[in-house]
Amino acid sequence: MLDQLSSTQRKVIVLRYGLRDGNELSLAKVGEQLGISREQVRRLQQEALRCLRLRRTNMRNYLVE
């Protein structure tokens, strides 16, 4: 499902939720690693989660039909 995201959104989600190594990073730490502000990380995270939720809803609707 992460392939539906932009590369930056994907990086943010992977780093924030520790999907590679189990270490969840703060907004500030993710921002440091990506060279962007905490606020930009927060926005990217929100956009990514919205996209993933929409994808899940669409998938659920498809399976019900």
PDB file of N, CA and C in Angstrom:
ATOM      1  N   MET A   1       0.812  -1.199   0.000  1.00  0.00           N
ATOM      2  CA  MET A   1       0.000   0.000   0.000  1.00  0.00           C
ATOM      3  C   MET A   1       0.855   1.263   0.000  1.00  0.00           C
ATOM      4  N   LEU A   2       2.062   1.159   0.538  1.00  0.00           N
ATOM      5  CA  LEU A   2       2.912   2.343   0.568  1.00  0.00           C
ATOM      6  C   LEU A   2       3.329   2.796  -0.817  1.00  0.00           C
ATOM      7  N   ASP A   3       3.209   1.922  -1.794  1.00  0.00           N
ATOM      8  CA  ASP A   3       3.585   2.299  -3.152  1.00  0.00           C
ATOM      9  C   ASP A   3       2.630   3.346  -3.740  1.00  0.00           C
ATOM     10  N   GLN A   4       1.503   3.593  -3.076  1.00  0.00           N
ATOM     11  CA  GLN A   4       0.551   4.620  -3.506  1.00  0.00           C
ATOM     12  C   GLN A   4       1.016   6.027  -3.112  1.00  0.00           C
ATOM     13  N   LEU A   5       2.036   6.108  -2.269  1.00  0.00           N
ATOM     14  CA  LEU A   5       2.517   7.388  -1.743  1.00  0.00           C
ATOM     15  C   LEU A   5       3.692   7.907  -2.558  1.00  0.00           C
ATOM     16  N   SER A   6       3.920   9.208  -2.449  1.00  0.00           N
ATOM     17  CA  SER A   6       5.126   9.780  -3.054  1.00  0.00           C
ATOM     18  C   SER A   6       6.331   9.265  -2.273  1.00  0.00           C
ATOM     19  N   SER A   7       7.500   9.370  -2.845  1.00  0.00           N
ATOM     20  CA  SER A   7       8.696   8.854  -2.164  1.00  0.00           C
ATOM     21  C   SER A   7       8.935   9.565  -0.831  1.00  0.00           C
ATOM     22  N   THR A   8       8.667  10.857  -0.771  1.00  0.00           N
ATOM     23  CA  THR A   8       8.866  11.598   0.478  1.00  0.00           C
ATOM     24  C   THR A   8       7.834  11.185   1.513  1.00  0.00           C
ATOM     25  N   GLN A   9       6.584  11.050   1.111  1.00  0.00           N
ATOM     26  CA  GLN A   9       5.546  10.594   2.043  1.00  0.00           C
ATOM     27  C   GLN A   9       5.904   9.207   2.583  1.00  0.00           C
ATOM     28  N   ARG A  10       6.362   8.342   1.703  1.00  0.00           N
ATOM     29  CA  ARG A  10       6.743   6.985   2.108  1.00  0.00           C
ATOM     30  C   ARG A  10       7.866   7.029   3.138  1.00  0.00           C
ATOM     31  N   LYS A  11       8.881   7.847   2.896  1.00  0.00           N
ATOM     32  CA  LYS A  11       9.994   7.963   3.840  1.00  0.00           C
ATOM     33  C   LYS A  11       9.506   8.446   5.194  1.00  0.00           C
ATOM     34  N   VAL A  12       8.618   9.442   5.183  1.00  0.00           N
ATOM     35  CA  VAL A  12       8.085   9.982   6.436  1.00  0.00           C
ATOM     36  C   VAL A  12       7.359   8.889   7.221  1.00  0.00           C
ATOM     37  N   ILE A  13       6.491   8.139   6.569  1.00  0.00           N
ATOM     38  CA  ILE A  13       5.733   7.086   7.249  1.00  0.00           C
ATOM     39  C   ILE A  13       6.665   5.999   7.783  1.00  0.00           C
ATOM     40  N   VAL A  14       7.617   5.587   6.981  1.00  0.00           N
ATOM     41  CA  VAL A  14       8.561   4.548   7.403  1.00  0.00           C
ATOM     42  C   VAL A  14       9.355   5.007   8.625  1.00  0.00           C
ATOM     43  N   LEU A  15       9.848   6.236   8.609  1.00  0.00           N
ATOM     44  CA  LEU A  15      10.642   6.744   9.730  1.00  0.00           C
ATOM     45  C   LEU A  15       9.784   7.033  10.962  1.00  0.00           C
ATOM     46  N   ARG A  16       8.632   7.633  10.774  1.00  0.00           N
ATOM     47  CA  ARG A  16       7.764   7.988  11.915  1.00  0.00           C
ATOM     48  C   ARG A  16       7.285   6.754  12.665  1.00  0.00           C
ATOM     49  N   TYR A  17       6.956   5.699  11.940  1.00  0.00           N
ATOM     50  CA  TYR A  17       6.382   4.510  12.568  1.00  0.00           C
ATOM     51  C   TYR A  17       7.367   3.353  12.707  1.00  0.00           C
ATOM     52  N   GLY A  18       8.639   3.582  12.361  1.00  0.00           N
ATOM     53  CA  GLY A  18       9.671   2.571  12.549  1.00  0.00           C
ATOM     54  C   GLY A  18       9.434   1.300  11.758  1.00  0.00           C
ATOM     55  N   LEU A  19       8.960   1.444  10.536  1.00  0.00           N
ATOM     56  CA  LEU A  19       8.607   0.268   9.745  1.00  0.00           C
ATOM     57  C   LEU A  19       9.812  -0.528   9.261  1.00  0.00           C
ATOM     58  N   ARG A  20      10.985   0.057   9.259  1.00  0.00           N
ATOM     59  CA  ARG A  20      12.182  -0.676   8.834  1.00  0.00           C
ATOM     60  C   ARG A  20      12.915  -1.314  10.015  1.00  0.00           C
ATOM     61  N   ASP A  21      13.106  -0.537  11.074  1.00  0.00           N
ATOM     62  CA  ASP A  21      13.950  -1.019  12.172  1.00  0.00           C
ATOM     63  C   ASP A  21      13.261  -1.027  13.535  1.00  0.00           C
ATOM     64  N   GLY A  22      11.998  -0.665  13.593  1.00  0.00           N
ATOM     65  CA  GLY A  22      11.274  -0.659  14.864  1.00  0.00           C
ATOM     66  C   GLY A  22      11.456   0.597  15.692  1.00  0.00           C
ATOM     67  N   ASN A  23      12.301   1.524  15.231  1.00  0.00           N
ATOM     68  CA  ASN A  23      12.535   2.778  15.956  1.00  0.00           C
ATOM     69  C   ASN A  23      11.668   3.888  15.391  1.00  0.00           C
ATOM     70  N   GLU A  24      10.672   4.306  16.170  1.00  0.00           N
ATOM     71  CA  GLU A  24       9.805   5.401  15.756  1.00  0.00           C
ATOM     72  C   GLU A  24      10.512   6.725  16.034  1.00  0.00           C
ATOM     73  N   LEU A  25      10.532   7.612  15.051  1.00  0.00           N
ATOM     74  CA  LEU A  25      11.213   8.894  15.201  1.00  0.00           C
ATOM     75  C   LEU A  25      10.204  10.023  15.376  1.00  0.00           C
ATOM     76  N   SER A  26      10.633  11.063  16.078  1.00  0.00           N
ATOM     77  CA  SER A  26       9.799  12.249  16.262  1.00  0.00           C
ATOM     78  C   SER A  26       9.738  13.043  14.958  1.00  0.00           C
ATOM     79  N   LEU A  27       8.819  13.979  14.914  1.00  0.00           N
ATOM     80  CA  LEU A  27       8.717  14.865  13.753  1.00  0.00           C
ATOM     81  C   LEU A  27      10.049  15.572  13.510  1.00  0.00           C
ATOM     82  N   ALA A  28      10.656  16.044  14.596  1.00  0.00           N
ATOM     83  CA  ALA A  28      11.918  16.777  14.479  1.00  0.00           C
ATOM     84  C   ALA A  28      13.037  15.888  13.919  1.00  0.00           C
ATOM     85  N   LYS A  29      13.124  14.657  14.408  1.00  0.00           N
ATOM     86  CA  LYS A  29      14.181  13.742  13.945  1.00  0.00           C
ATOM     87  C   LYS A  29      13.987  13.372  12.475  1.00  0.00           C
ATOM     88  N   VAL A  30      12.746  13.136  12.095  1.00  0.00           N
ATOM     89  CA  VAL A  30      12.474  12.834  10.682  1.00  0.00           C
ATOM     90  C   VAL A  30      12.850  14.032   9.824  1.00  0.00           C
ATOM     91  N   GLY A  31      12.476  15.223  10.290  1.00  0.00           N
ATOM     92  CA  GLY A  31      12.818  16.445   9.570  1.00  0.00           C
ATOM     93  C   GLY A  31      14.313  16.605   9.394  1.00  0.00           C
ATOM     94  N   GLU A  32      15.063  16.315  10.453  1.00  0.00           N
ATOM     95  CA  GLU A  32      16.530  16.402  10.375  1.00  0.00           C
ATOM     96  C   GLU A  32      17.066  15.449   9.307  1.00  0.00           C
ATOM     97  N   GLN A  33      16.564  14.227   9.308  1.00  0.00           N
ATOM     98  CA  GLN A  33      17.058  13.230   8.345  1.00  0.00           C
ATOM     99  C   GLN A  33      16.713  13.589   6.904  1.00  0.00           C
ATOM    100  N   LEU A  34      15.548  14.199   6.714  1.00  0.00           N
ATOM    101  CA  LEU A  34      15.104  14.524   5.359  1.00  0.00           C
ATOM    102  C   LEU A  34      15.448  15.952   4.942  1.00  0.00           C
ATOM    103  N   GLY A  35      15.942  16.753   5.876  1.00  0.00           N
ATOM    104  CA  GLY A  35      16.310  18.128   5.558  1.00  0.00           C
ATOM    105  C   GLY A  35      15.104  19.048   5.377  1.00  0.00           C
ATOM    106  N   ILE A  36      14.028  18.761   6.117  1.00  0.00           N
ATOM    107  CA  ILE A  36      12.824  19.587   6.056  1.00  0.00           C
ATOM    108  C   ILE A  36      12.371  19.925   7.477  1.00  0.00           C
ATOM    109  N   SER A  37      11.433  20.848   7.593  1.00  0.00           N
ATOM    110  CA  SER A  37      10.976  21.266   8.914  1.00  0.00           C
ATOM    111  C   SER A  37      10.017  20.244   9.531  1.00  0.00           C
ATOM    112  N   ARG A  38       9.845  20.355  10.848  1.00  0.00           N
ATOM    113  CA  ARG A  38       8.879  19.512  11.563  1.00  0.00           C
ATOM    114  C   ARG A  38       7.488  19.669  10.987  1.00  0.00           C
ATOM    115  N   GLU A  39       7.129  20.909  10.676  1.00  0.00           N
ATOM    116  CA  GLU A  39       5.808  21.197  10.122  1.00  0.00           C
ATOM    117  C   GLU A  39       5.614  20.515   8.765  1.00  0.00           C
ATOM    118  N   GLN A  40       6.634  20.528   7.941  1.00  0.00           N
ATOM    119  CA  GLN A  40       6.536  19.842   6.646  1.00  0.00           C
ATOM    120  C   GLN A  40       6.365  18.336   6.846  1.00  0.00           C
ATOM    121  N   VAL A  41       7.063  17.781   7.823  1.00  0.00           N
ATOM    122  CA  VAL A  41       6.926  16.356   8.129  1.00  0.00           C
ATOM    123  C   VAL A  41       5.496  16.068   8.567  1.00  0.00           C
ATOM    124  N   ARG A  42       4.952  16.908   9.438  1.00  0.00           N
ATOM    125  CA  ARG A  42       3.587  16.720   9.923  1.00  0.00           C
ATOM    126  C   ARG A  42       2.584  16.746   8.775  1.00  0.00           C
ATOM    127  N   ARG A  43       2.745  17.697   7.870  1.00  0.00           N
ATOM    128  CA  ARG A  43       1.836  17.798   6.716  1.00  0.00           C
ATOM    129  C   ARG A  43       1.953  16.581   5.804  1.00  0.00           C
ATOM    130  N   LEU A  44       3.175  16.171   5.533  1.00  0.00           N
ATOM    131  CA  LEU A  44       3.387  14.988   4.693  1.00  0.00           C
ATOM    132  C   LEU A  44       2.787  13.738   5.335  1.00  0.00           C
ATOM    133  N   GLN A  45       2.932  13.632   6.641  1.00  0.00           N
ATOM    134  CA  GLN A  45       2.365  12.493   7.358  1.00  0.00           C
ATOM    135  C   GLN A  45       0.844  12.507   7.245  1.00  0.00           C
ATOM    136  N   GLN A  46       0.233  13.660   7.457  1.00  0.00           N
ATOM    137  CA  GLN A  46      -1.230  13.770   7.343  1.00  0.00           C
ATOM    138  C   GLN A  46      -1.706  13.398   5.938  1.00  0.00           C
ATOM    139  N   GLU A  47      -1.036  13.921   4.927  1.00  0.00           N
ATOM    140  CA  GLU A  47      -1.407  13.620   3.538  1.00  0.00           C
ATOM    141  C   GLU A  47      -1.277  12.127   3.252  1.00  0.00           C
ATOM    142  N   ALA A  48      -0.205  11.523   3.731  1.00  0.00           N
ATOM    143  CA  ALA A  48       0.031  10.103   3.494  1.00  0.00           C
ATOM    144  C   ALA A  48      -1.036   9.252   4.174  1.00  0.00           C
ATOM    145  N   LEU A  49      -1.350   9.575   5.422  1.00  0.00           N
ATOM    146  CA  LEU A  49      -2.363   8.808   6.141  1.00  0.00           C
ATOM    147  C   LEU A  49      -3.730   8.970   5.493  1.00  0.00           C
ATOM    148  N   ARG A  50      -4.027  10.166   5.022  1.00  0.00           N
ATOM    149  CA  ARG A  50      -5.298  10.400   4.327  1.00  0.00           C
ATOM    150  C   ARG A  50      -5.367   9.538   3.065  1.00  0.00           C
ATOM    151  N   CYS A  51      -4.292   9.501   2.330  1.00  0.00           N
ATOM    152  CA  CYS A  51      -4.222   8.702   1.104  1.00  0.00           C
ATOM    153  C   CYS A  51      -4.401   7.209   1.415  1.00  0.00           C
ATOM    154  N   LEU A  52      -3.743   6.733   2.466  1.00  0.00           N
ATOM    155  CA  LEU A  52      -3.836   5.327   2.834  1.00  0.00           C
ATOM    156  C   LEU A  52      -5.244   4.973   3.313  1.00  0.00           C
ATOM    157  N   ARG A  53      -5.861   5.873   4.060  1.00  0.00           N
ATOM    158  CA  ARG A  53      -7.236   5.623   4.512  1.00  0.00           C
ATOM    159  C   ARG A  53      -8.195   5.575   3.332  1.00  0.00           C
ATOM    160  N   LEU A  54      -8.022   6.493   2.395  1.00  0.00           N
ATOM    161  CA  LEU A  54      -8.870   6.514   1.207  1.00  0.00           C
ATOM    162  C   LEU A  54      -8.697   5.216   0.417  1.00  0.00           C
ATOM    163  N   ARG A  55      -7.480   4.794   0.285  1.00  0.00           N
ATOM    164  CA  ARG A  55      -7.180   3.547  -0.431  1.00  0.00           C
ATOM    165  C   ARG A  55      -7.860   2.364   0.252  1.00  0.00           C
ATOM    166  N   ARG A  56      -7.800   2.340   1.593  1.00  0.00           N
ATOM    167  CA  ARG A  56      -8.423   1.260   2.353  1.00  0.00           C
ATOM    168  C   ARG A  56      -9.939   1.263   2.150  1.00  0.00           C
ATOM    169  N   THR A  57     -10.548   2.454   2.187  1.00  0.00           N
ATOM    170  CA  THR A  57     -11.991   2.576   1.989  1.00  0.00           C
ATOM    171  C   THR A  57     -12.378   2.115   0.591  1.00  0.00           C
ATOM    172  N   ASN A  58     -11.618   2.538  -0.405  1.00  0.00           N
ATOM    173  CA  ASN A  58     -11.896   2.115  -1.781  1.00  0.00           C
ATOM    174  C   ASN A  58     -11.775   0.598  -1.930  1.00  0.00           C
ATOM    175  N   MET A  59     -10.779   0.029  -1.288  1.00  0.00           N
ATOM    176  CA  MET A  59     -10.575  -1.415  -1.354  1.00  0.00           C
ATOM    177  C   MET A  59     -11.749  -2.129  -0.690  1.00  0.00           C
ATOM    178  N   ARG A  60     -12.180  -1.637   0.454  1.00  0.00           N
ATOM    179  CA  ARG A  60     -13.301  -2.240   1.170  1.00  0.00           C
ATOM    180  C   ARG A  60     -14.563  -2.178   0.312  1.00  0.00           C
ATOM    181  N   ASN A  61     -14.827  -1.033  -0.311  1.00  0.00           N
ATOM    182  CA  ASN A  61     -16.004  -0.886  -1.172  1.00  0.00           C
ATOM    183  C   ASN A  61     -15.936  -1.844  -2.351  1.00  0.00           C
ATOM    184  N   TYR A  62     -14.771  -2.006  -2.912  1.00  0.00           N
ATOM    185  CA  TYR A  62     -14.579  -2.912  -4.039  1.00  0.00           C
ATOM    186  C   TYR A  62     -14.894  -4.355  -3.639  1.00  0.00           C
ATOM    187  N   LEU A  63     -14.419  -4.756  -2.453  1.00  0.00           N
ATOM    188  CA  LEU A  63     -14.621  -6.122  -2.007  1.00  0.00           C
ATOM    189  C   LEU A  63     -16.068  -6.406  -1.641  1.00  0.00           C
ATOM    190  N   VAL A  64     -16.800  -5.394  -1.182  1.00  0.00           N
ATOM    191  CA  VAL A  64     -18.203  -5.566  -0.808  1.00  0.00           C
ATOM    192  C   VAL A  64     -19.077  -5.732  -2.040  1.00  0.00           C
ATOM    193  N   GLU A  65     -18.730  -5.054  -3.116  1.00  0.00           N
ATOM    194  CA  GLU A  65     -19.548  -5.107  -4.330  1.00  0.00           C
ATOM    195  C   GLU A  65     -19.456  -6.393  -5.018  1.00  0.00           C
TER     196      GLU A  65
END
